Amino acid sequence: MSNRDLLQRSLDAVWHPCTQMKQHASEALPLVPIASGKGVWLYDFDGRRYLDGISSWWVNLFGHCHPRINAALREQLDELEHVILAGCTHRPVVELSERLSALAGGMLGHCFYASDGASATEIALKMSFHSWQNRGRQDKQEFLCLAGSYHGETIGALAVTDVALFKDAYAPLIRPAGIVPTPDARFAEAGETPVEVARRAAAALENHLERHHPRIAALIVEPLIQCASGMAMYDPEYLRLARGLCDRYQVHLICDEIAVGCGRTGTFFAHQQATIQPDFLCLSKGISGGYLPLSIVMTSDAVYADFYDDRTSRGFLHSHSYTGNALACRAALATLDIFADDQVIDANRSLAEHLGHCLAALAGHPQVRHLRQRGMIAAFDVHTDDPEFSQRFYRQALANEILLRPIGNTVYFMPPYVISRDQCAFLVDRAHAALEAALGR
């Protein structure tokens, strides 16, 4: 098979996500046919390679076709592929739940399973609302999110998403959430530190909660980095203050770590850098190593107790056909084994430092703004009025053998953890070349 053969077949039969399909049909936004993957590299049918600088939409932690995850899945295939989780259970889902609870310090001891990040958001929102209803707090029916937030594209998730491109077309279907200021450090006023930005945003949250808390069920945040709004990074101080305010005003705190969990920010869970515990923790993307669809909502004993009753109507009657899929859970267990056996968090700290060293050369570029990094996520904004910059950069990156997809004018890096130091340098050097070409320099 050639690239050309697969491209036409895909255009004829597949509706690709997050895309205006007419652009794919032209040269504006070319599809990339992928034949295989190994480590950080993806290969097309004509022999070209691309360094996967975005971990295939932030899911791939340990490279493509990892031998240990492959072996675990082969073994699981001979034992159990899937069974209904309503009324049944199995070893991988029990072991995964136990291990995740241990990683959360035993404070989030109950795991509810689905298949994708947006579903996890929906579950957490429904659980929070229903928990308050079961407590007799029928007034608590509203949610809060940060300005610029993104938590998925299903109807409930869009309610707590503040990205117009995804949300506006469906406005008549959505019950909007309240929006409070973001602690995004890029919004610092003259002389203001990231900690002070965080405190200013928390003061605005306090003002909102003081006036509206009787009606608010939960505040949902992406800890430390708001990814879809341009890798907006903020200080952990905001999480510490938000946790205290949620406690004071009896509001749940939902930490959406779908993208930022599993070691991306330098700790296994991002919220750990603020030494807090959320009431709900949403996981997906990297939890299965990028192998299979899996999402998890972890919650506390107190929330679980709100549903524990003789009456079925007080239970959490939410389900997905593939809830707790045995293969996906086994991939997640193999992923956690790699974290433990290879001391990945410690290794990532050194790797992240090297990535930052490679990126430092871009800080002086005349059109680069806000070069920033937290753990294995790095980004910079490009000062340009070109509305086509994102697509131009994407095409030039492919021509330079790297897969990077800017978010608007923000170029970001989220490579697999198995990237070598030489490959880090290659990724940044080629990104620099793509930037120059996209800007016509």
Protein backbone atom coordinates (compact mmCIF):
# COMPACT_ATOMS: atom_id res chain seq x y z
CA MET A 1 0.00 0.00 0.00
CA SER A 2 1.16 3.54 -0.74
CA ASN A 3 0.37 6.82 1.01
CA ARG A 4 -1.73 7.93 -1.95
CA ASP A 5 -3.90 4.78 -1.87
CA LEU A 6 -4.73 5.08 1.82
CA LEU A 7 -5.27 8.84 1.69
CA GLN A 8 -8.02 8.62 -0.89
CA ARG A 9 -9.72 5.73 0.85
CA SER A 10 -9.64 7.64 4.13
CA LEU A 11 -11.11 10.77 2.55
CA ASP A 12 -13.88 8.69 1.02
CA ALA A 13 -14.81 6.77 4.18
CA VAL A 14 -13.55 8.42 7.40
CA TRP A 15 -14.81 11.57 9.13
CA HIS A 16 -11.73 12.74 11.02
CA PRO A 17 -12.02 14.46 14.42
CA CYS A 18 -11.51 18.13 15.26
CA THR A 19 -11.12 18.99 11.57
CA GLN A 20 -12.79 20.83 8.73
CA MET A 21 -12.79 17.94 6.28
CA LYS A 22 -12.61 20.20 3.23
CA GLN A 23 -9.12 21.21 4.33
CA HIS A 24 -8.04 17.56 4.29
CA ALA A 25 -9.36 17.21 0.75
CA SER A 26 -7.01 19.98 -0.36
CA GLU A 27 -3.34 20.62 0.37
CA ALA A 28 -4.21 23.02 3.22
CA LEU A 29 -4.12 20.33 5.91
CA PRO A 30 -2.72 17.06 4.58
CA LEU A 31 -3.57 13.77 6.23
CA VAL A 32 -0.54 11.76 7.29
CA PRO A 33 -0.93 8.05 6.52
CA ILE A 34 0.75 6.02 9.28
CA ALA A 35 1.83 2.47 8.58
CA SER A 36 3.66 1.68 11.82
CA GLY A 37 5.25 3.09 14.95
CA LYS A 38 8.26 2.27 17.09
CA GLY A 39 9.42 4.24 20.09
CA VAL A 40 9.06 7.96 19.41
CA TRP A 41 8.84 7.44 15.63
CA LEU A 42 5.87 7.06 13.30
CA TYR A 43 6.39 5.76 9.75
CA ASP A 44 4.25 6.25 6.66
CA PHE A 45 3.78 3.81 3.77
CA ASP A 46 6.38 5.53 1.61
CA GLY A 47 9.17 5.22 4.18
CA ARG A 48 9.09 8.72 5.70
CA ARG A 49 9.38 9.06 9.46
CA TYR A 50 7.96 11.58 11.95
CA LEU A 51 9.03 12.13 15.55
CA ASP A 52 5.82 12.08 17.60
CA GLY A 53 6.31 15.31 19.51
CA ILE A 54 2.75 15.36 20.88
CA SER A 55 2.48 11.72 22.01
CA SER A 56 -0.36 11.14 19.54
CA TRP A 57 -2.76 13.62 21.18
CA TRP A 58 -1.08 13.36 24.58
CA VAL A 59 -1.78 9.65 25.16
CA ASN A 60 1.46 7.81 24.39
CA LEU A 61 3.77 7.73 27.40
CA PHE A 62 6.37 5.08 26.59
CA GLY A 63 6.58 5.06 22.83
CA HIS A 64 4.75 3.13 20.15
CA CYS A 65 4.66 -0.69 20.31
CA HIS A 66 6.27 -0.92 23.73
CA PRO A 67 7.32 -4.56 24.25
CA ARG A 68 6.18 -4.79 27.87
CA ILE A 69 2.70 -3.43 27.22
CA ASN A 70 2.44 -5.58 24.09
CA ALA A 71 3.33 -8.68 26.11
CA ALA A 72 0.81 -7.87 28.84
CA LEU A 73 -1.96 -7.49 26.29
CA ARG A 74 -1.07 -10.75 24.56
CA GLU A 75 -1.24 -12.54 27.89
CA GLN A 76 -4.56 -10.90 28.78
CA LEU A 77 -6.06 -11.89 25.42
CA ASP A 78 -5.74 -15.53 26.43
CA GLU A 79 -7.46 -14.93 29.79
CA LEU A 80 -10.32 -12.44 29.36
CA GLU A 81 -10.99 -9.72 26.80
CA HIS A 82 -14.09 -8.14 28.39
CA VAL A 83 -17.01 -8.84 30.70
CA ILE A 84 -19.94 -6.73 31.83
CA LEU A 85 -18.89 -4.82 34.97
CA ALA A 86 -22.48 -4.50 36.22
CA GLY A 87 -22.77 -7.54 38.46
CA CYS A 88 -19.34 -8.96 37.55
CA THR A 89 -15.74 -8.08 38.31
CA HIS A 90 -12.30 -9.22 37.19
CA ARG A 91 -8.69 -9.12 38.32
CA PRO A 92 -7.32 -6.27 36.13
CA VAL A 93 -10.01 -3.76 37.16
CA VAL A 94 -9.62 -4.62 40.86
CA GLU A 95 -5.82 -4.44 40.78
CA LEU A 96 -5.85 -1.17 38.81
CA SER A 97 -8.32 0.42 41.25
CA GLU A 98 -6.19 -0.64 44.22
CA ARG A 99 -2.98 0.67 42.71
CA LEU A 100 -4.47 4.01 41.70
CA SER A 101 -5.90 4.45 45.18
CA ALA A 102 -2.46 3.79 46.65
CA LEU A 103 -0.91 6.36 44.30
CA ALA A 104 -3.49 8.88 45.56
CA GLY A 105 -2.47 8.20 49.14
CA GLY A 106 -5.58 6.12 49.86
CA MET A 107 -7.75 9.24 49.92
CA LEU A 108 -9.54 8.48 46.64
CA GLY A 109 -10.50 4.88 47.20
CA HIS A 110 -13.29 4.32 44.68
CA CYS A 111 -12.82 4.15 40.90
CA PHE A 112 -15.58 4.46 38.29
CA TYR A 113 -14.65 3.49 34.73
CA ALA A 114 -15.49 4.74 31.25
CA SER A 115 -13.67 4.99 27.94
CA ASP A 116 -12.67 8.61 27.23
CA GLY A 117 -11.90 11.90 28.87
CA ALA A 118 -15.18 13.66 28.11
CA SER A 119 -17.05 10.72 29.63
CA ALA A 120 -14.96 11.07 32.78
CA THR A 121 -15.93 14.74 32.99
CA GLU A 122 -19.60 13.85 32.56
CA ILE A 123 -19.35 11.24 35.31
CA ALA A 124 -17.66 13.60 37.77
CA LEU A 125 -20.22 16.34 37.14
CA LYS A 126 -23.14 13.92 37.53
CA MET A 127 -21.63 12.37 40.65
CA SER A 128 -21.13 15.76 42.26
CA PHE A 129 -24.66 16.91 41.48
CA HIS A 130 -26.22 13.62 42.59
CA SER A 131 -24.13 13.52 45.75
CA TRP A 132 -25.52 16.87 46.84
CA GLN A 133 -29.06 15.75 45.93
CA ASN A 134 -28.66 12.65 48.08
CA ARG A 135 -27.52 14.88 50.93
CA GLY A 136 -30.70 16.92 50.60
CA ARG A 137 -28.99 19.90 48.97
CA GLN A 138 -31.32 20.29 45.99
CA ASP A 139 -30.09 23.86 45.54
CA LYS A 140 -26.61 22.76 44.45
CA GLN A 141 -27.06 22.35 40.69
CA GLU A 142 -24.43 24.65 39.16
CA PHE A 143 -20.75 24.32 38.28
CA LEU A 144 -17.75 26.62 38.05
CA CYS A 145 -14.82 26.46 35.61
CA LEU A 146 -11.83 28.62 34.75
CA ALA A 147 -11.75 31.07 31.87
CA GLY A 148 -10.23 29.30 28.88
CA SER A 149 -11.02 25.88 30.34
CA TYR A 150 -11.52 22.73 28.27
CA HIS A 151 -12.97 19.52 29.68
CA GLY A 152 -14.35 17.69 26.66
CA GLU A 153 -16.89 18.00 23.88
CA THR A 154 -19.94 16.08 25.05
CA ILE A 155 -22.85 18.29 26.10
CA GLY A 156 -22.18 18.22 29.83
CA ALA A 157 -18.43 18.65 29.35
CA LEU A 158 -19.03 21.61 27.03
CA ALA A 159 -20.94 23.29 29.84
CA VAL A 160 -17.64 23.61 31.75
CA THR A 161 -15.58 24.39 28.64
CA ASP A 162 -14.74 27.98 27.76
CA VAL A 163 -13.35 27.60 24.25
CA ALA A 164 -15.68 29.26 21.74
CA LEU A 165 -14.54 27.16 18.79
CA PHE A 166 -15.87 24.01 20.44
CA LYS A 167 -18.79 25.46 22.36
CA ASP A 168 -20.58 28.18 20.41
CA ALA A 169 -22.22 25.97 17.78
CA TYR A 170 -23.99 24.01 20.52
CA ALA A 171 -24.93 26.91 22.79
CA PRO A 172 -28.71 26.20 22.65
CA LEU A 173 -28.08 22.68 24.02
CA ILE A 174 -25.82 23.70 26.90
CA ARG A 175 -26.57 24.68 30.45
CA PRO A 176 -23.70 27.13 31.00
CA ALA A 177 -21.43 27.00 34.02
CA GLY A 178 -20.08 29.99 35.88
CA ILE A 179 -16.66 31.16 34.70
CA VAL A 180 -14.04 32.56 37.06
CA PRO A 181 -10.69 34.17 36.12
CA THR A 182 -7.81 31.92 35.11
CA PRO A 183 -4.54 31.96 37.06
CA ASP A 184 -2.65 31.76 33.72
CA ALA A 185 0.76 33.29 34.45
CA ARG A 186 0.82 34.94 31.01
CA PHE A 187 -1.72 37.43 32.35
CA ALA A 188 0.69 38.82 34.92
CA GLU A 189 0.53 42.57 35.36
CA ALA A 190 3.72 44.63 35.47
CA GLY A 191 5.98 43.27 38.20
CA GLU A 192 3.55 40.50 39.17
CA THR A 193 4.87 36.99 39.85
CA PRO A 194 3.04 33.75 38.92
CA VAL A 195 2.23 33.25 42.61
CA GLU A 196 0.64 36.70 42.75
CA VAL A 197 -1.39 35.97 39.60
CA ALA A 198 -2.61 32.80 41.29
CA ARG A 199 -3.61 34.69 44.42
CA ARG A 200 -5.43 37.35 42.40
CA ALA A 201 -7.40 34.67 40.56
CA ALA A 202 -8.16 32.90 43.85
CA ALA A 203 -9.46 36.16 45.30
CA ALA A 204 -11.88 36.39 42.39
CA LEU A 205 -12.94 32.79 43.04
CA GLU A 206 -13.52 33.64 46.69
CA ASN A 207 -15.69 36.60 45.75
CA HIS A 208 -17.78 34.42 43.45
CA LEU A 209 -18.18 31.62 45.98
CA GLU A 210 -19.09 34.03 48.74
CA ARG A 211 -22.05 35.23 46.68
CA HIS A 212 -23.15 32.03 44.92
CA HIS A 213 -21.93 28.99 46.89
CA PRO A 214 -25.39 27.74 47.96
CA ARG A 215 -26.11 26.91 44.30
CA ILE A 216 -22.67 25.58 43.28
CA ALA A 217 -21.99 21.85 43.29
CA ALA A 218 -18.36 21.83 42.11
CA LEU A 219 -15.41 23.73 40.72
CA ILE A 220 -13.57 21.87 37.94
CA VAL A 221 -9.95 22.66 37.05
CA GLU A 222 -7.06 21.24 35.06
CA PRO A 223 -4.30 21.33 37.68
CA LEU A 224 -1.27 23.46 36.74
CA ILE A 225 -1.83 23.52 32.96
CA GLN A 226 -4.91 24.41 30.92
CA CYS A 227 -3.92 22.48 27.85
CA ALA A 228 -6.42 23.29 25.09
CA SER A 229 -6.28 27.03 25.76
CA GLY A 230 -2.64 27.14 24.71
CA MET A 231 -0.82 25.26 27.48
CA ALA A 232 -1.68 27.97 30.01
CA MET A 233 0.52 27.27 33.03
CA TYR A 234 -0.08 28.49 36.56
CA ASP A 235 1.36 28.27 40.05
CA PRO A 236 0.27 25.50 42.48
CA GLU A 237 -0.71 28.24 44.93
CA TYR A 238 -4.02 28.55 43.09
CA LEU A 239 -4.89 24.91 43.79
CA ARG A 240 -4.01 25.28 47.47
CA LEU A 241 -6.22 28.34 47.81
CA ALA A 242 -9.04 26.85 45.72
CA ARG A 243 -9.07 23.69 47.88
CA GLY A 244 -9.43 25.80 51.02
CA LEU A 245 -12.22 27.88 49.49
CA CYS A 246 -14.11 24.80 48.31
CA ASP A 247 -13.90 23.38 51.83
CA ARG A 248 -15.08 26.63 53.39
CA TYR A 249 -18.05 27.05 51.05
CA GLN A 250 -19.00 23.34 50.73
CA VAL A 251 -18.20 22.97 47.04
CA HIS A 252 -16.61 19.88 45.47
CA LEU A 253 -13.24 20.23 43.76
CA ILE A 254 -12.88 18.21 40.54
CA CYS A 255 -9.33 17.83 39.25
CA ASP A 256 -9.36 17.01 35.54
CA GLU A 257 -6.00 15.29 35.04
CA ILE A 258 -7.01 13.65 31.77
CA ALA A 259 -4.10 15.37 30.00
CA VAL A 260 -1.85 16.51 32.86
CA GLY A 261 -1.82 13.36 34.98
CA CYS A 262 0.42 10.29 34.70
CA GLY A 263 3.68 12.14 35.19
CA ARG A 264 3.31 14.90 32.61
CA THR A 265 3.94 17.77 35.02
CA GLY A 266 6.73 16.24 37.11
CA THR A 267 4.65 14.31 39.67
CA PHE A 268 2.40 11.36 38.93
CA PHE A 269 -0.69 13.46 39.68
CA ALA A 270 -0.38 17.18 38.97
CA HIS A 271 -2.41 18.19 42.04
CA GLN A 272 0.25 16.59 44.26
CA GLN A 273 2.46 19.62 43.66
CA ALA A 274 -0.04 21.65 45.67
CA THR A 275 -0.23 19.00 48.44
CA ILE A 276 -4.02 18.84 48.19
CA GLN A 277 -6.62 16.14 47.61
CA PRO A 278 -9.55 16.72 45.24
CA ASP A 279 -13.02 15.29 45.77
CA PHE A 280 -12.94 13.85 42.24
CA LEU A 281 -9.97 13.00 40.04
CA CYS A 282 -10.48 12.37 36.30
CA LEU A 283 -7.89 10.29 34.42
CA SER A 284 -7.64 9.13 30.81
CA LYS A 285 -5.22 9.54 27.88
CA GLY A 286 -1.87 8.28 29.19
CA ILE A 287 -3.28 5.94 31.83
CA SER A 288 -3.35 3.06 29.33
CA GLY A 289 0.01 4.02 27.84
CA GLY A 290 -1.77 5.24 24.70
CA TYR A 291 -2.96 1.76 23.82
CA LEU A 292 -6.69 1.51 24.49
CA PRO A 293 -9.58 3.84 25.37
CA LEU A 294 -9.88 4.10 29.14
CA SER A 295 -10.99 6.76 31.60
CA ILE A 296 -11.42 6.69 35.34
CA VAL A 297 -13.09 8.91 37.91
CA MET A 298 -11.66 8.48 41.40
CA THR A 299 -13.52 9.82 44.39
CA SER A 300 -13.53 9.86 48.17
CA ASP A 301 -15.18 7.64 50.74
CA ALA A 302 -17.45 10.55 51.67
CA VAL A 303 -18.86 10.89 48.16
CA TYR A 304 -19.17 7.11 47.81
CA ALA A 305 -21.16 7.02 51.07
CA ASP A 306 -23.68 9.50 49.67
CA PHE A 307 -24.82 6.80 47.21
CA TYR A 308 -24.60 3.75 49.49
CA ASP A 309 -28.23 2.95 50.31
CA ASP A 310 -30.96 0.31 50.05
CA ARG A 311 -32.80 2.44 47.50
CA THR A 312 -31.72 1.91 43.89
CA SER A 313 -32.68 5.49 43.04
CA ARG A 314 -29.90 6.75 45.30
CA GLY A 315 -27.28 4.73 43.45
CA PHE A 316 -25.13 6.12 40.65
CA LEU A 317 -26.99 4.67 37.67
CA HIS A 318 -24.50 5.52 34.96
CA SER A 319 -22.94 2.97 32.63
CA HIS A 320 -20.85 2.36 29.53
CA SER A 321 -20.84 -0.94 27.66
CA TYR A 322 -17.05 -1.25 27.89
CA THR A 323 -16.75 0.01 31.46
CA GLY A 324 -13.62 -1.44 33.08
CA ASN A 325 -12.57 -3.30 29.93
CA ALA A 326 -10.10 -6.00 30.94
CA LEU A 327 -7.67 -5.35 28.09
CA ALA A 328 -7.58 -1.61 28.74
CA CYS A 329 -7.09 -2.16 32.48
CA ARG A 330 -4.27 -4.61 31.77
CA ALA A 331 -2.56 -2.03 29.54
CA ALA A 332 -2.89 0.46 32.40
CA LEU A 333 -1.38 -2.01 34.87
CA ALA A 334 1.57 -2.57 32.53
CA THR A 335 1.94 1.21 32.27
CA LEU A 336 2.04 1.53 36.06
CA ASP A 337 4.60 -1.30 36.21
CA ILE A 338 6.89 0.68 33.91
CA PHE A 339 6.51 3.77 36.10
CA ALA A 340 7.50 1.76 39.18
CA ASP A 341 10.22 -0.45 37.74
CA ASP A 342 11.98 2.23 35.68
CA GLN A 343 11.60 5.06 38.24
CA VAL A 344 10.06 7.16 35.49
CA ILE A 345 9.18 10.23 37.57
CA ASP A 346 12.80 10.66 38.67
CA ALA A 347 14.10 10.00 35.15
CA ASN A 348 11.65 12.51 33.71
CA ARG A 349 13.00 15.28 35.91
CA SER A 350 16.41 14.94 34.29
CA LEU A 351 14.87 14.56 30.84
CA ALA A 352 12.67 17.63 31.34
CA GLU A 353 15.71 19.66 32.37
CA HIS A 354 17.46 18.63 29.16
CA LEU A 355 14.39 19.50 27.07
CA GLY A 356 14.34 22.93 28.71
CA HIS A 357 18.03 23.38 27.94
CA CYS A 358 17.36 22.59 24.27
CA LEU A 359 14.46 25.05 24.17
CA ALA A 360 16.42 27.88 25.78
CA ALA A 361 17.85 28.87 22.40
CA LEU A 362 14.36 29.86 21.25
CA ALA A 363 13.89 32.36 24.08
CA GLY A 364 15.71 35.05 22.13
CA HIS A 365 13.73 34.59 18.92
CA PRO A 366 12.13 37.95 18.02
CA GLN A 367 8.66 36.43 17.59
CA VAL A 368 8.68 33.96 20.49
CA ARG A 369 6.78 34.95 23.63
CA HIS A 370 6.22 33.24 27.01
CA LEU A 371 8.55 30.28 26.63
CA ARG A 372 7.41 28.05 29.49
CA GLN A 373 7.69 24.52 30.81
CA ARG A 374 6.37 22.30 33.56
CA GLY A 375 7.73 18.78 33.62
CA MET A 376 7.48 17.11 30.24
CA ILE A 377 5.22 19.80 28.75
CA ALA A 378 6.78 22.87 27.15
CA ALA A 379 5.33 25.64 25.00
CA PHE A 380 5.85 29.07 23.52
CA ASP A 381 3.58 31.61 21.85
CA VAL A 382 4.38 33.06 18.44
CA HIS A 383 3.80 36.75 17.85
CA THR A 384 2.23 36.87 14.39
CA ASP A 385 -0.93 38.20 12.77
CA ASP A 386 -1.00 35.39 10.22
CA PRO A 387 -4.35 33.57 10.67
CA GLU A 388 -2.87 30.56 8.88
CA PHE A 389 0.19 30.27 11.12
CA SER A 390 -0.95 27.05 12.81
CA GLN A 391 -1.45 25.21 9.53
CA ARG A 392 1.76 26.62 8.03
CA PHE A 393 3.78 25.45 11.02
CA TYR A 394 2.12 22.03 11.00
CA ARG A 395 3.03 21.48 7.34
CA GLN A 396 6.58 22.71 7.82
CA ALA A 397 6.99 20.48 10.88
CA LEU A 398 5.97 17.43 8.84
CA ALA A 399 8.47 18.43 6.17
CA ASN A 400 11.09 18.44 8.94
CA GLU A 401 10.15 14.93 10.15
CA ILE A 402 8.32 15.98 13.31
CA LEU A 403 4.65 15.79 14.31
CA LEU A 404 3.63 18.98 16.14
CA ARG A 405 0.16 20.55 16.06
CA PRO A 406 0.07 24.15 17.35
CA ILE A 407 -2.95 25.36 19.31
CA GLY A 408 -3.58 28.66 17.56
CA ASN A 409 -0.30 30.56 17.86
CA THR A 410 1.00 28.31 20.63
CA VAL A 411 3.61 25.73 19.71
CA TYR A 412 3.88 23.01 22.34
CA PHE A 413 5.93 19.89 23.01
CA MET A 414 4.60 16.81 24.82
CA PRO A 415 6.83 13.93 23.70
CA PRO A 416 6.80 10.34 24.97
CA TYR A 417 8.94 9.74 28.05
CA VAL A 418 11.24 7.41 26.12
CA ILE A 419 12.60 10.25 23.98
CA SER A 420 16.40 10.37 24.13
CA ARG A 421 18.49 13.45 24.70
CA ASP A 422 19.59 13.43 21.07
CA GLN A 423 15.98 13.12 19.97
CA CYS A 424 15.04 16.08 22.20
CA ALA A 425 17.65 18.16 20.41
CA PHE A 426 16.40 16.89 17.04
CA LEU A 427 12.80 17.78 17.95
CA VAL A 428 13.65 21.32 19.03
CA ASP A 429 16.07 21.99 16.15
CA ARG A 430 13.50 20.86 13.60
CA ALA A 431 10.77 22.87 15.34
CA HIS A 432 13.00 25.94 15.07
CA ALA A 433 13.44 25.29 11.35
CA ALA A 434 9.68 24.82 10.92
CA LEU A 435 9.05 28.07 12.78
CA GLU A 436 11.38 30.03 10.53
CA ALA A 437 9.81 28.53 7.41
CA ALA A 438 6.24 29.15 8.65
CA LEU A 439 7.08 32.80 9.36
CA GLY A 440 8.74 33.17 5.94
CA ARG A 441 12.07 34.10 7.48
